[in-house]
């Protein structure tokens, strides 16, 4: 699925081809403290770091939502954390691509309609 999102990014002229995805012990620690944390950016260059649980706990719409949200952080260039940085990441996705981020479930996980995104919204 991550490869499909990367292909989408290239087609949408999003300069993310040098972004790598990897598992990261820092995200694993953060996930143990706060269950809604499955990924982050800027800790290891321009990479999206994931925890292993993301691959088993989340459905495709949640995985795509988190992945695109992290891309939003990279595109916004905002290395800060907190409410404003989270809103900025989602705003980039809406303004540039028309992708509206939802937050669903008991842990308010990022969510997008994966099939709709793949069709090119």
PDB file of N, CA and C in Angstrom:
ATOM      1  N   UNK A   1       0.807  -1.181   0.000  1.00  0.00           N
ATOM      2  CA  UNK A   1       0.000   0.000   0.000  1.00  0.00           C
ATOM      3  C   UNK A   1       0.861   1.261   0.000  1.00  0.00           C
ATOM      4  N   UNK A   2       1.946   1.253   0.767  1.00  0.00           N
ATOM      5  CA  UNK A   2       2.829   2.421   0.810  1.00  0.00           C
ATOM      6  C   UNK A   2       3.364   2.717  -0.595  1.00  0.00           C
ATOM      7  N   UNK A   3       3.716   1.677  -1.347  1.00  0.00           N
ATOM      8  CA  UNK A   3       4.213   1.878  -2.713  1.00  0.00           C
ATOM      9  C   UNK A   3       3.153   2.538  -3.586  1.00  0.00           C
ATOM     10  N   UNK A   4       1.890   2.152  -3.401  1.00  0.00           N
ATOM     11  CA  UNK A   4       0.811   2.763  -4.180  1.00  0.00           C
ATOM     12  C   UNK A   4       0.673   4.240  -3.840  1.00  0.00           C
ATOM     13  N   UNK A   5       0.806   4.582  -2.560  1.00  0.00           N
ATOM     14  CA  UNK A   5       0.732   5.992  -2.175  1.00  0.00           C
ATOM     15  C   UNK A   5       1.911   6.780  -2.735  1.00  0.00           C
ATOM     16  N   UNK A   6       3.087   6.162  -2.789  1.00  0.00           N
ATOM     17  CA  UNK A   6       4.248   6.841  -3.374  1.00  0.00           C
ATOM     18  C   UNK A   6       4.022   7.088  -4.871  1.00  0.00           C
ATOM     19  N   UNK A   7       3.439   6.111  -5.572  1.00  0.00           N
ATOM     20  CA  UNK A   7       3.128   6.317  -6.999  1.00  0.00           C
ATOM     21  C   UNK A   7       2.117   7.443  -7.161  1.00  0.00           C
ATOM     22  N   UNK A   8       1.114   7.487  -6.275  1.00  0.00           N
ATOM     23  CA  UNK A   8       0.138   8.572  -6.307  1.00  0.00           C
ATOM     24  C   UNK A   8       0.849   9.915  -6.133  1.00  0.00           C
ATOM     25  N   UNK A   9       1.782   9.972  -5.188  1.00  0.00           N
ATOM     26  CA  UNK A   9       2.503  11.224  -4.920  1.00  0.00           C
ATOM     27  C   UNK A   9       3.265  11.676  -6.163  1.00  0.00           C
ATOM     28  N   UNK A  10       3.902  10.739  -6.847  1.00  0.00           N
ATOM     29  CA  UNK A  10       4.639  11.106  -8.073  1.00  0.00           C
ATOM     30  C   UNK A  10       3.680  11.642  -9.131  1.00  0.00           C
ATOM     31  N   UNK A  11       2.543  10.981  -9.327  1.00  0.00           N
ATOM     32  CA  UNK A  11       1.563  11.431 -10.319  1.00  0.00           C
ATOM     33  C   UNK A  11       1.009  12.804  -9.962  1.00  0.00           C
ATOM     34  N   UNK A  12       0.852  13.046  -8.669  1.00  0.00           N
ATOM     35  CA  UNK A  12       0.310  14.329  -8.212  1.00  0.00           C
ATOM     36  C   UNK A  12       1.392  15.399  -8.143  1.00  0.00           C
ATOM     37  N   UNK A  13       2.590  15.061  -8.610  1.00  0.00           N
ATOM     38  CA  UNK A  13       3.712  15.995  -8.605  1.00  0.00           C
ATOM     39  C   UNK A  13       4.090  16.423  -7.194  1.00  0.00           C
ATOM     40  N   UNK A  14       4.021  15.480  -6.277  1.00  0.00           N
ATOM     41  CA  UNK A  14       4.439  15.715  -4.893  1.00  0.00           C
ATOM     42  C   UNK A  14       5.870  15.215  -4.783  1.00  0.00           C
ATOM     43  N   UNK A  15       6.750  16.062  -4.356  1.00  0.00           N
ATOM     44  CA  UNK A  15       8.167  15.709  -4.318  1.00  0.00           C
ATOM     45  C   UNK A  15       8.508  14.906  -3.075  1.00  0.00           C
ATOM     46  N   UNK A  16       8.097  13.647  -3.113  1.00  0.00           N
ATOM     47  CA  UNK A  16       8.318  12.758  -1.983  1.00  0.00           C
ATOM     48  C   UNK A  16       9.083  11.505  -2.397  1.00  0.00           C
ATOM     49  N   UNK A  17       9.623  11.487  -3.596  1.00  0.00           N
ATOM     50  CA  UNK A  17      10.272  10.257  -4.066  1.00  0.00           C
ATOM     51  C   UNK A  17      11.504   9.894  -3.264  1.00  0.00           C
ATOM     52  N   UNK A  18      12.079  10.855  -2.556  1.00  0.00           N
ATOM     53  CA  UNK A  18      13.250  10.540  -1.737  1.00  0.00           C
ATOM     54  C   UNK A  18      12.884  10.206  -0.290  1.00  0.00           C
ATOM     55  N   UNK A  19      11.595  10.105  -0.005  1.00  0.00           N
ATOM     56  CA  UNK A  19      11.140   9.733   1.334  1.00  0.00           C
ATOM     57  C   UNK A  19      11.200   8.217   1.460  1.00  0.00           C
ATOM     58  N   UNK A  20      11.795   7.761   2.534  1.00  0.00           N
ATOM     59  CA  UNK A  20      11.829   6.327   2.826  1.00  0.00           C
ATOM     60  C   UNK A  20      10.876   6.040   3.982  1.00  0.00           C
ATOM     61  N   UNK A  21      10.383   4.832   4.010  1.00  0.00           N
ATOM     62  CA  UNK A  21       9.534   4.372   5.106  1.00  0.00           C
ATOM     63  C   UNK A  21      10.300   3.278   5.830  1.00  0.00           C
ATOM     64  N   UNK A  22      10.311   3.353   7.160  1.00  0.00           N
ATOM     65  CA  UNK A  22      11.041   2.340   7.920  1.00  0.00           C
ATOM     66  C   UNK A  22      10.428   2.187   9.301  1.00  0.00           C
ATOM     67  N   UNK A  23      10.724   1.060   9.913  1.00  0.00           N
ATOM     68  CA  UNK A  23      10.324   0.848  11.301  1.00  0.00           C
ATOM     69  C   UNK A  23      11.346   1.525  12.193  1.00  0.00           C
ATOM     70  N   UNK A  24      10.875   2.026  13.345  1.00  0.00           N
ATOM     71  CA  UNK A  24      11.718   2.873  14.172  1.00  0.00           C
ATOM     72  C   UNK A  24      11.471   2.603  15.657  1.00  0.00           C
ATOM     73  N   UNK A  25      12.532   2.374  16.413  1.00  0.00           N
ATOM     74  CA  UNK A  25      12.360   2.139  17.850  1.00  0.00           C
ATOM     75  C   UNK A  25      11.785   3.357  18.593  1.00  0.00           C
ATOM     76  N   UNK A  26      12.034   4.568  18.090  1.00  0.00           N
ATOM     77  CA  UNK A  26      11.483   5.770  18.743  1.00  0.00           C
ATOM     78  C   UNK A  26       9.956   5.804  18.649  1.00  0.00           C
ATOM     79  N   UNK A  27       9.421   5.386  17.509  1.00  0.00           N
ATOM     80  CA  UNK A  27       7.964   5.343  17.369  1.00  0.00           C
ATOM     81  C   UNK A  27       7.396   4.217  18.231  1.00  0.00           C
ATOM     82  N   UNK A  28       8.124   3.107  18.299  1.00  0.00           N
ATOM     83  CA  UNK A  28       7.678   2.002  19.167  1.00  0.00           C
ATOM     84  C   UNK A  28       7.513   2.498  20.606  1.00  0.00           C
ATOM     85  N   UNK A  29       8.480   3.262  21.107  1.00  0.00           N
ATOM     86  CA  UNK A  29       8.408   3.805  22.467  1.00  0.00           C
ATOM     87  C   UNK A  29       7.232   4.768  22.612  1.00  0.00           C
ATOM     88  N   UNK A  30       7.072   5.639  21.624  1.00  0.00           N
ATOM     89  CA  UNK A  30       5.973   6.609  21.670  1.00  0.00           C
ATOM     90  C   UNK A  30       4.622   5.903  21.628  1.00  0.00           C
ATOM     91  N   UNK A  31       4.528   4.833  20.834  1.00  0.00           N
ATOM     92  CA  UNK A  31       3.276   4.081  20.726  1.00  0.00           C
ATOM     93  C   UNK A  31       2.920   3.399  22.049  1.00  0.00           C
ATOM     94  N   UNK A  32       3.920   2.922  22.767  1.00  0.00           N
ATOM     95  CA  UNK A  32       3.661   2.305  24.072  1.00  0.00           C
ATOM     96  C   UNK A  32       3.090   3.315  25.068  1.00  0.00           C
ATOM     97  N   UNK A  33       3.517   4.575  24.946  1.00  0.00           N
ATOM     98  CA  UNK A  33       3.031   5.624  25.847  1.00  0.00           C
ATOM     99  C   UNK A  33       1.673   6.164  25.423  1.00  0.00           C
ATOM    100  N   UNK A  34       1.477   6.270  24.105  1.00  0.00           N
ATOM    101  CA  UNK A  34       0.252   6.864  23.569  1.00  0.00           C
ATOM    102  C   UNK A  34      -0.195   6.015  22.379  1.00  0.00           C
ATOM    103  N   UNK A  35      -1.248   5.235  22.551  1.00  0.00           N
ATOM    104  CA  UNK A  35      -1.656   4.228  21.570  1.00  0.00           C
ATOM    105  C   UNK A  35      -2.004   4.782  20.195  1.00  0.00           C
ATOM    106  N   UNK A  36      -2.321   6.045  20.080  1.00  0.00           N
ATOM    107  CA  UNK A  36      -2.677   6.588  18.764  1.00  0.00           C
ATOM    108  C   UNK A  36      -1.450   6.983  17.929  1.00  0.00           C
ATOM    109  N   UNK A  37      -0.256   6.909  18.505  1.00  0.00           N
ATOM    110  CA  UNK A  37       0.965   7.248  17.769  1.00  0.00           C
ATOM    111  C   UNK A  37       1.472   6.008  17.040  1.00  0.00           C
ATOM    112  N   UNK A  38       1.414   6.065  15.709  1.00  0.00           N
ATOM    113  CA  UNK A  38       1.885   4.957  14.881  1.00  0.00           C
ATOM    114  C   UNK A  38       3.032   5.360  13.956  1.00  0.00           C
ATOM    115  N   UNK A  39       3.257   6.662  13.788  1.00  0.00           N
ATOM    116  CA  UNK A  39       4.289   7.121  12.848  1.00  0.00           C
ATOM    117  C   UNK A  39       4.717   8.533  13.215  1.00  0.00           C
ATOM    118  N   UNK A  40       5.869   8.934  12.670  1.00  0.00           N
ATOM    119  CA  UNK A  40       6.316  10.327  12.785  1.00  0.00           C
ATOM    120  C   UNK A  40       7.301  10.637  11.666  1.00  0.00           C
ATOM    121  N   UNK A  41       7.602  11.913  11.531  1.00  0.00           N
ATOM    122  CA  UNK A  41       8.567  12.374  10.529  1.00  0.00           C
ATOM    123  C   UNK A  41       9.607  13.258  11.210  1.00  0.00           C
ATOM    124  N   UNK A  42      10.634  13.599  10.446  1.00  0.00           N
ATOM    125  CA  UNK A  42      11.698  14.536  10.830  1.00  0.00           C
ATOM    126  C   UNK A  42      12.665  14.010  11.883  1.00  0.00           C
ATOM    127  N   UNK A  43      12.399  12.842  12.459  1.00  0.00           N
ATOM    128  CA  UNK A  43      13.345  12.308  13.438  1.00  0.00           C
ATOM    129  C   UNK A  43      14.564  11.721  12.727  1.00  0.00           C
ATOM    130  N   UNK A  44      14.361  11.193  11.537  1.00  0.00           N
ATOM    131  CA  UNK A  44      15.429  10.536  10.775  1.00  0.00           C
ATOM    132  C   UNK A  44      15.469  11.123   9.370  1.00  0.00           C
ATOM    133  N   UNK A  45      15.850  12.369   9.285  1.00  0.00           N
ATOM    134  CA  UNK A  45      15.889  13.015   7.975  1.00  0.00           C
ATOM    135  C   UNK A  45      14.489  13.182   7.423  1.00  0.00           C
ATOM    136  N   UNK A  46      14.338  12.889   6.147  1.00  0.00           N
ATOM    137  CA  UNK A  46      13.055  13.063   5.464  1.00  0.00           C
ATOM    138  C   UNK A  46      12.363  11.715   5.297  1.00  0.00           C
ATOM    139  N   UNK A  47      12.292  10.958   6.384  1.00  0.00           N
ATOM    140  CA  UNK A  47      11.687   9.641   6.348  1.00  0.00           C
ATOM    141  C   UNK A  47      10.411   9.616   7.167  1.00  0.00           C
ATOM    142  N   UNK A  48       9.557   8.660   6.841  1.00  0.00           N
ATOM    143  CA  UNK A  48       8.396   8.379   7.673  1.00  0.00           C
ATOM    144  C   UNK A  48       8.738   7.129   8.468  1.00  0.00           C
ATOM    145  N   UNK A  49       8.767   7.281   9.772  1.00  0.00           N
ATOM    146  CA  UNK A  49       9.083   6.171  10.675  1.00  0.00           C
ATOM    147  C   UNK A  49       7.777   5.591  11.212  1.00  0.00           C
ATOM    148  N   UNK A  50       7.701   4.280  11.275  1.00  0.00           N
ATOM    149  CA  UNK A  50       6.500   3.567  11.696  1.00  0.00           C
ATOM    150  C   UNK A  50       6.792   2.647  12.863  1.00  0.00           C
ATOM    151  N   UNK A  51       5.744   2.307  13.614  1.00  0.00           N
ATOM    152  CA  UNK A  51       5.863   1.224  14.596  1.00  0.00           C
ATOM    153  C   UNK A  51       5.282  -0.042  13.956  1.00  0.00           C
ATOM    154  N   UNK A  52       5.744  -1.185  14.393  1.00  0.00           N
ATOM    155  CA  UNK A  52       5.321  -2.463  13.827  1.00  0.00           C
ATOM    156  C   UNK A  52       3.808  -2.672  13.961  1.00  0.00           C
ATOM    157  N   UNK A  53       3.221  -2.230  15.065  1.00  0.00           N
ATOM    158  CA  UNK A  53       1.788  -2.442  15.290  1.00  0.00           C
ATOM    159  C   UNK A  53       0.914  -1.803  14.222  1.00  0.00           C
ATOM    160  N   UNK A  54       1.404  -0.792  13.552  1.00  0.00           N
ATOM    161  CA  UNK A  54       0.610  -0.134  12.516  1.00  0.00           C
ATOM    162  C   UNK A  54       0.188  -1.129  11.435  1.00  0.00           C
ATOM    163  N   UNK A  55       1.055  -2.070  11.123  1.00  0.00           N
ATOM    164  CA  UNK A  55       0.782  -3.013  10.035  1.00  0.00           C
ATOM    165  C   UNK A  55      -0.291  -4.034  10.405  1.00  0.00           C
ATOM    166  N   UNK A  56      -0.500  -4.251  11.700  1.00  0.00           N
ATOM    167  CA  UNK A  56      -1.509  -5.230  12.118  1.00  0.00           C
ATOM    168  C   UNK A  56      -2.740  -4.584  12.749  1.00  0.00           C
ATOM    169  N   UNK A  57      -2.594  -3.425  13.358  1.00  0.00           N
ATOM    170  CA  UNK A  57      -3.707  -2.787  14.069  1.00  0.00           C
ATOM    171  C   UNK A  57      -4.628  -1.976  13.155  1.00  0.00           C
ATOM    172  N   UNK A  58      -4.095  -1.479  12.053  1.00  0.00           N
ATOM    173  CA  UNK A  58      -4.808  -0.480  11.264  1.00  0.00           C
ATOM    174  C   UNK A  58      -5.349  -1.042   9.953  1.00  0.00           C
ATOM    175  N   UNK A  59      -6.477  -0.494   9.523  1.00  0.00           N
ATOM    176  CA  UNK A  59      -7.029  -0.875   8.219  1.00  0.00           C
ATOM    177  C   UNK A  59      -6.425   0.028   7.141  1.00  0.00           C
ATOM    178  N   UNK A  60      -6.640  -0.290   5.863  1.00  0.00           N
ATOM    179  CA  UNK A  60      -6.028   0.518   4.782  1.00  0.00           C
ATOM    180  C   UNK A  60      -6.382   1.996   4.826  1.00  0.00           C
ATOM    181  N   UNK A  61      -7.605   2.335   5.230  1.00  0.00           N
ATOM    182  CA  UNK A  61      -7.987   3.752   5.301  1.00  0.00           C
ATOM    183  C   UNK A  61      -7.213   4.485   6.390  1.00  0.00           C
ATOM    184  N   UNK A  62      -6.960   3.818   7.501  1.00  0.00           N
ATOM    185  CA  UNK A  62      -6.174   4.417   8.582  1.00  0.00           C
ATOM    186  C   UNK A  62      -4.697   4.514   8.199  1.00  0.00           C
ATOM    187  N   UNK A  63      -4.157   3.451   7.611  1.00  0.00           N
ATOM    188  CA  UNK A  63      -2.756   3.494   7.169  1.00  0.00           C
ATOM    189  C   UNK A  63      -2.542   4.615   6.162  1.00  0.00           C
ATOM    190  N   UNK A  64      -3.453   4.713   5.201  1.00  0.00           N
ATOM    191  CA  UNK A  64      -3.335   5.781   4.202  1.00  0.00           C
ATOM    192  C   UNK A  64      -3.470   7.150   4.858  1.00  0.00           C
ATOM    193  N   UNK A  65      -4.389   7.275   5.812  1.00  0.00           N
ATOM    194  CA  UNK A  65      -4.567   8.549   6.509  1.00  0.00           C
ATOM    195  C   UNK A  65      -3.315   8.972   7.247  1.00  0.00           C
ATOM    196  N   UNK A  66      -2.724   8.048   7.972  1.00  0.00           N
ATOM    197  CA  UNK A  66      -1.499   8.365   8.716  1.00  0.00           C
ATOM    198  C   UNK A  66      -0.369   8.686   7.756  1.00  0.00           C
ATOM    199  N   UNK A  67      -0.215   7.869   6.715  1.00  0.00           N
ATOM    200  CA  UNK A  67       0.861   8.092   5.746  1.00  0.00           C
ATOM    201  C   UNK A  67       0.725   9.474   5.095  1.00  0.00           C
ATOM    202  N   UNK A  68      -0.469   9.801   4.621  1.00  0.00           N
ATOM    203  CA  UNK A  68      -0.680  11.102   3.977  1.00  0.00           C
ATOM    204  C   UNK A  68      -0.508  12.242   4.976  1.00  0.00           C
ATOM    205  N   UNK A  69      -0.943  12.043   6.206  1.00  0.00           N
ATOM    206  CA  UNK A  69      -0.750  13.069   7.239  1.00  0.00           C
ATOM    207  C   UNK A  69       0.744  13.329   7.446  1.00  0.00           C
ATOM    208  N   UNK A  70       1.542  12.277   7.489  1.00  0.00           N
ATOM    209  CA  UNK A  70       2.994  12.449   7.647  1.00  0.00           C
ATOM    210  C   UNK A  70       3.589  13.142   6.423  1.00  0.00           C
ATOM    211  N   UNK A  71       3.096  12.814   5.232  1.00  0.00           N
ATOM    212  CA  UNK A  71       3.522  13.550   4.029  1.00  0.00           C
ATOM    213  C   UNK A  71       3.176  15.028   4.174  1.00  0.00           C
ATOM    214  N   UNK A  72       2.001  15.308   4.763  1.00  0.00           N
ATOM    215  CA  UNK A  72       1.600  16.696   4.989  1.00  0.00           C
ATOM    216  C   UNK A  72       2.608  17.436   5.858  1.00  0.00           C
ATOM    217  N   UNK A  73       3.128  16.759   6.889  1.00  0.00           N
ATOM    218  CA  UNK A  73       4.176  17.382   7.714  1.00  0.00           C
ATOM    219  C   UNK A  73       5.396  17.705   6.866  1.00  0.00           C
ATOM    220  N   UNK A  74       5.806  16.761   6.030  1.00  0.00           N
ATOM    221  CA  UNK A  74       6.992  16.976   5.190  1.00  0.00           C
ATOM    222  C   UNK A  74       6.765  18.121   4.211  1.00  0.00           C
ATOM    223  N   UNK A  75       5.585  18.167   3.603  1.00  0.00           N
ATOM    224  CA  UNK A  75       5.290  19.218   2.633  1.00  0.00           C
ATOM    225  C   UNK A  75       5.149  20.580   3.301  1.00  0.00           C
ATOM    226  N   UNK A  76       4.613  20.593   4.510  1.00  0.00           N
ATOM    227  CA  UNK A  76       4.473  21.858   5.242  1.00  0.00           C
ATOM    228  C   UNK A  76       5.822  22.333   5.789  1.00  0.00           C
ATOM    229  N   UNK A  77       6.757  21.391   5.942  1.00  0.00           N
ATOM    230  CA  UNK A  77       8.081  21.741   6.436  1.00  0.00           C
ATOM    231  C   UNK A  77       8.092  22.119   7.904  1.00  0.00           C
ATOM    232  N   UNK A  78       7.033  21.767   8.608  1.00  0.00           N
ATOM    233  CA  UNK A  78       6.904  22.154  10.005  1.00  0.00           C
ATOM    234  C   UNK A  78       7.462  21.064  10.903  1.00  0.00           C
ATOM    235  N   UNK A  79       8.580  21.328  11.532  1.00  0.00           N
ATOM    236  CA  UNK A  79       9.228  20.346  12.394  1.00  0.00           C
ATOM    237  C   UNK A  79       8.725  20.391  13.833  1.00  0.00           C
ATOM    238  N   UNK A  80       7.819  21.289  14.122  1.00  0.00           N
ATOM    239  CA  UNK A  80       7.294  21.391  15.484  1.00  0.00           C
ATOM    240  C   UNK A  80       6.218  20.337  15.704  1.00  0.00           C
ATOM    241  N   UNK A  81       5.849  20.163  16.959  1.00  0.00           N
ATOM    242  CA  UNK A  81       4.740  19.274  17.273  1.00  0.00           C
ATOM    243  C   UNK A  81       3.647  20.093  17.926  1.00  0.00           C
ATOM    244  N   UNK A  82       2.527  19.472  18.151  1.00  0.00           N
ATOM    245  CA  UNK A  82       1.420  20.160  18.780  1.00  0.00           C
ATOM    246  C   UNK A  82       0.273  20.372  17.814  1.00  0.00           C
ATOM    247  N   UNK A  83      -0.778  20.928  18.349  1.00  0.00           N
ATOM    248  CA  UNK A  83      -2.032  21.093  17.616  1.00  0.00           C
ATOM    249  C   UNK A  83      -1.847  21.856  16.300  1.00  0.00           C
ATOM    250  N   UNK A  84      -1.130  22.972  16.334  1.00  0.00           N
ATOM    251  CA  UNK A  84      -0.962  23.790  15.119  1.00  0.00           C
ATOM    252  C   UNK A  84      -0.209  23.033  14.024  1.00  0.00           C
ATOM    253  N   UNK A  85       0.815  22.282  14.400  1.00  0.00           N
ATOM    254  CA  UNK A  85       1.570  21.498  13.415  1.00  0.00           C
ATOM    255  C   UNK A  85       0.693  20.406  12.803  1.00  0.00           C
ATOM    256  N   UNK A  86      -0.158  19.795  13.621  1.00  0.00           N
ATOM    257  CA  UNK A  86      -1.052  18.749  13.119  1.00  0.00           C
ATOM    258  C   UNK A  86      -2.059  19.346  12.139  1.00  0.00           C
ATOM    259  N   UNK A  87      -2.620  20.481  12.487  1.00  0.00           N
ATOM    260  CA  UNK A  87      -3.559  21.147  11.587  1.00  0.00           C
ATOM    261  C   UNK A  87      -2.880  21.572  10.286  1.00  0.00           C
ATOM    262  N   UNK A  88      -1.642  22.054  10.371  1.00  0.00           N
ATOM    263  CA  UNK A  88      -0.917  22.483   9.170  1.00  0.00           C
ATOM    264  C   UNK A  88      -0.685  21.311   8.223  1.00  0.00           C
ATOM    265  N   UNK A  89      -0.360  20.150   8.769  1.00  0.00           N
ATOM    266  CA  UNK A  89      -0.136  18.966   7.931  1.00  0.00           C
ATOM    267  C   UNK A  89      -1.412  18.605   7.167  1.00  0.00           C
ATOM    268  N   UNK A  90      -2.542  18.627   7.844  1.00  0.00           N
ATOM    269  CA  UNK A  90      -3.811  18.295   7.184  1.00  0.00           C
ATOM    270  C   UNK A  90      -4.231  19.386   6.200  1.00  0.00           C
ATOM    271  N   UNK A  91      -3.939  20.628   6.521  1.00  0.00           N
ATOM    272  CA  UNK A  91      -4.293  21.743   5.649  1.00  0.00           C
ATOM    273  C   UNK A  91      -3.557  21.658   4.310  1.00  0.00           C
ATOM    274  N   UNK A  92      -2.297  21.271   4.334  1.00  0.00           N
ATOM    275  CA  UNK A  92      -1.530  21.105   3.086  1.00  0.00           C
ATOM    276  C   UNK A  92      -2.220  20.088   2.185  1.00  0.00           C
ATOM    277  N   UNK A  93      -2.667  18.984   2.758  1.00  0.00           N
ATOM    278  CA  UNK A  93      -3.333  17.956   1.963  1.00  0.00           C
ATOM    279  C   UNK A  93      -4.623  18.469   1.349  1.00  0.00           C
ATOM    280  N   UNK A  94      -5.368  19.254   2.113  1.00  0.00           N
ATOM    281  CA  UNK A  94      -6.625  19.801   1.602  1.00  0.00           C
ATOM    282  C   UNK A  94      -6.371  20.842   0.511  1.00  0.00           C
ATOM    283  N   UNK A  95      -5.456  21.772   0.766  1.00  0.00           N
ATOM    284  CA  UNK A  95      -5.224  22.858  -0.183  1.00  0.00           C
ATOM    285  C   UNK A  95      -4.587  22.373  -1.483  1.00  0.00           C
ATOM    286  N   UNK A  96      -3.627  21.464  -1.398  1.00  0.00           N
ATOM    287  CA  UNK A  96      -2.911  21.040  -2.605  1.00  0.00           C
ATOM    288  C   UNK A  96      -3.586  19.913  -3.363  1.00  0.00           C
ATOM    289  N   UNK A  97      -4.316  19.040  -2.633  1.00  0.00           N
ATOM    290  CA  UNK A  97      -4.818  17.831  -3.292  1.00  0.00           C
ATOM    291  C   UNK A  97      -6.299  17.576  -3.070  1.00  0.00           C
ATOM    292  N   UNK A  98      -6.953  18.395  -2.275  1.00  0.00           N
ATOM    293  CA  UNK A  98      -8.362  18.183  -2.010  1.00  0.00           C
ATOM    294  C   UNK A  98      -8.641  16.973  -1.138  1.00  0.00           C
ATOM    295  N   UNK A  99      -7.647  16.525  -0.401  1.00  0.00           N
ATOM    296  CA  UNK A  99      -7.821  15.368   0.481  1.00  0.00           C
ATOM    297  C   UNK A  99      -8.215  15.862   1.864  1.00  0.00           C
ATOM    298  N   UNK A 100      -9.404  15.469   2.276  1.00  0.00           N
ATOM    299  CA  UNK A 100      -9.878  15.868   3.592  1.00  0.00           C
ATOM    300  C   UNK A 100      -9.574  14.764   4.596  1.00  0.00           C
ATOM    301  N   UNK A 101      -8.839  15.115   5.624  1.00  0.00           N
ATOM    302  CA  UNK A 101      -8.461  14.168   6.671  1.00  0.00           C
ATOM    303  C   UNK A 101      -9.569  14.091   7.703  1.00  0.00           C
ATOM    304  N   UNK A 102      -9.916  12.872   8.081  1.00  0.00           N
ATOM    305  CA  UNK A 102     -10.846  12.638   9.181  1.00  0.00           C
ATOM    306  C   UNK A 102     -10.078  12.002  10.323  1.00  0.00           C
ATOM    307  N   UNK A 103     -10.624  12.098  11.495  1.00  0.00           N
ATOM    308  CA  UNK A 103     -10.061  11.428  12.675  1.00  0.00           C
ATOM    309  C   UNK A 103     -11.168  10.570  13.249  1.00  0.00           C
ATOM    310  N   UNK A 104     -10.936   9.235  13.232  1.00  0.00           N
ATOM    311  CA  UNK A 104     -12.007   8.307  13.602  1.00  0.00           C
ATOM    312  C   UNK A 104     -11.544   7.286  14.625  1.00  0.00           C
ATOM    313  N   UNK A 105     -12.526   6.665  15.256  1.00  0.00           N
ATOM    314  CA  UNK A 105     -12.264   5.595  16.205  1.00  0.00           C
ATOM    315  C   UNK A 105     -11.980   6.129  17.596  1.00  0.00           C
ATOM    316  N   UNK A 106     -11.842   5.199  18.534  1.00  0.00           N
ATOM    317  CA  UNK A 106     -11.665   5.602  19.934  1.00  0.00           C
ATOM    318  C   UNK A 106     -10.366   6.354  20.171  1.00  0.00           C
ATOM    319  N   UNK A 107      -9.337   6.113  19.349  1.00  0.00           N
ATOM    320  CA  UNK A 107      -8.065   6.820  19.500  1.00  0.00           C
ATOM    321  C   UNK A 107      -7.908   7.988  18.526  1.00  0.00           C
ATOM    322  N   UNK A 108      -8.983   8.300  17.800  1.00  0.00           N
ATOM    323  CA  UNK A 108      -8.963   9.392  16.812  1.00  0.00           C
ATOM    324  C   UNK A 108      -7.769   9.265  15.861  1.00  0.00           C
ATOM    325  N   UNK A 109      -7.754   8.178  15.133  1.00  0.00           N
ATOM    326  CA  UNK A 109      -6.696   7.898  14.159  1.00  0.00           C
ATOM    327  C   UNK A 109      -7.029   8.593  12.844  1.00  0.00           C
ATOM    328  N   UNK A 110      -6.003   9.120  12.179  1.00  0.00           N
ATOM    329  CA  UNK A 110      -6.194   9.736  10.876  1.00  0.00           C
ATOM    330  C   UNK A 110      -6.844   8.721   9.928  1.00  0.00           C
ATOM    331  N   UNK A 111      -7.742   9.218   9.062  1.00  0.00           N
ATOM    332  CA  UNK A 111      -8.500   8.349   8.171  1.00  0.00           C
ATOM    333  C   UNK A 111      -8.781   9.089   6.872  1.00  0.00           C
ATOM    334  N   UNK A 112      -8.541   8.409   5.755  1.00  0.00           N
ATOM    335  CA  UNK A 112      -8.983   8.877   4.435  1.00  0.00           C
ATOM    336  C   UNK A 112      -9.567   7.674   3.710  1.00  0.00           C
ATOM    337  N   UNK A 113     -10.372   7.952   2.705  1.00  0.00           N
ATOM    338  CA  UNK A 113     -10.902   6.873   1.874  1.00  0.00           C
ATOM    339  C   UNK A 113      -9.806   6.470   0.894  1.00  0.00           C
ATOM    340  N   UNK A 114      -9.146   5.353   1.188  1.00  0.00           N
ATOM    341  CA  UNK A 114      -7.987   4.916   0.418  1.00  0.00           C
ATOM    342  C   UNK A 114      -8.336   4.732  -1.064  1.00  0.00           C
ATOM    343  N   UNK A 115      -9.462   4.099  -1.352  1.00  0.00           N
ATOM    344  CA  UNK A 115      -9.857   3.869  -2.761  1.00  0.00           C
ATOM    345  C   UNK A 115     -10.069   5.184  -3.495  1.00  0.00           C
ATOM    346  N   UNK A 116     -10.682   6.146  -2.818  1.00  0.00           N
ATOM    347  CA  UNK A 116     -10.923   7.460  -3.435  1.00  0.00           C
ATOM    348  C   UNK A 116      -9.599   8.172  -3.735  1.00  0.00           C
ATOM    349  N   UNK A 117      -8.647   8.105  -2.798  1.00  0.00           N
ATOM    350  CA  UNK A 117      -7.342   8.718  -3.015  1.00  0.00           C
ATOM    351  C   UNK A 117      -6.658   8.062  -4.209  1.00  0.00           C
ATOM    352  N   UNK A 118      -6.737   6.737  -4.292  1.00  0.00           N
ATOM    353  CA  UNK A 118      -6.076   6.019  -5.383  1.00  0.00           C
ATOM    354  C   UNK A 118      -6.722   6.335  -6.730  1.00  0.00           C
ATOM    355  N   UNK A 119      -7.989   6.701  -6.733  1.00  0.00           N
ATOM    356  CA  UNK A 119      -8.651   7.092  -7.983  1.00  0.00           C
ATOM    357  C   UNK A 119      -8.246   8.502  -8.386  1.00  0.00           C
ATOM    358  N   UNK A 120      -7.555   9.193  -7.509  1.00  0.00           N
ATOM    359  CA  UNK A 120      -7.015  10.513  -7.873  1.00  0.00           C
ATOM    360  C   UNK A 120      -7.876  11.680  -7.476  1.00  0.00           C
ATOM    361  N   UNK A 121      -8.803  11.463  -6.591  1.00  0.00           N
ATOM    362  CA  UNK A 121      -9.718  12.513  -6.113  1.00  0.00           C
ATOM    363  C   UNK A 121      -9.885  13.613  -7.135  1.00  0.00           C
TER     364      UNK A 121
END
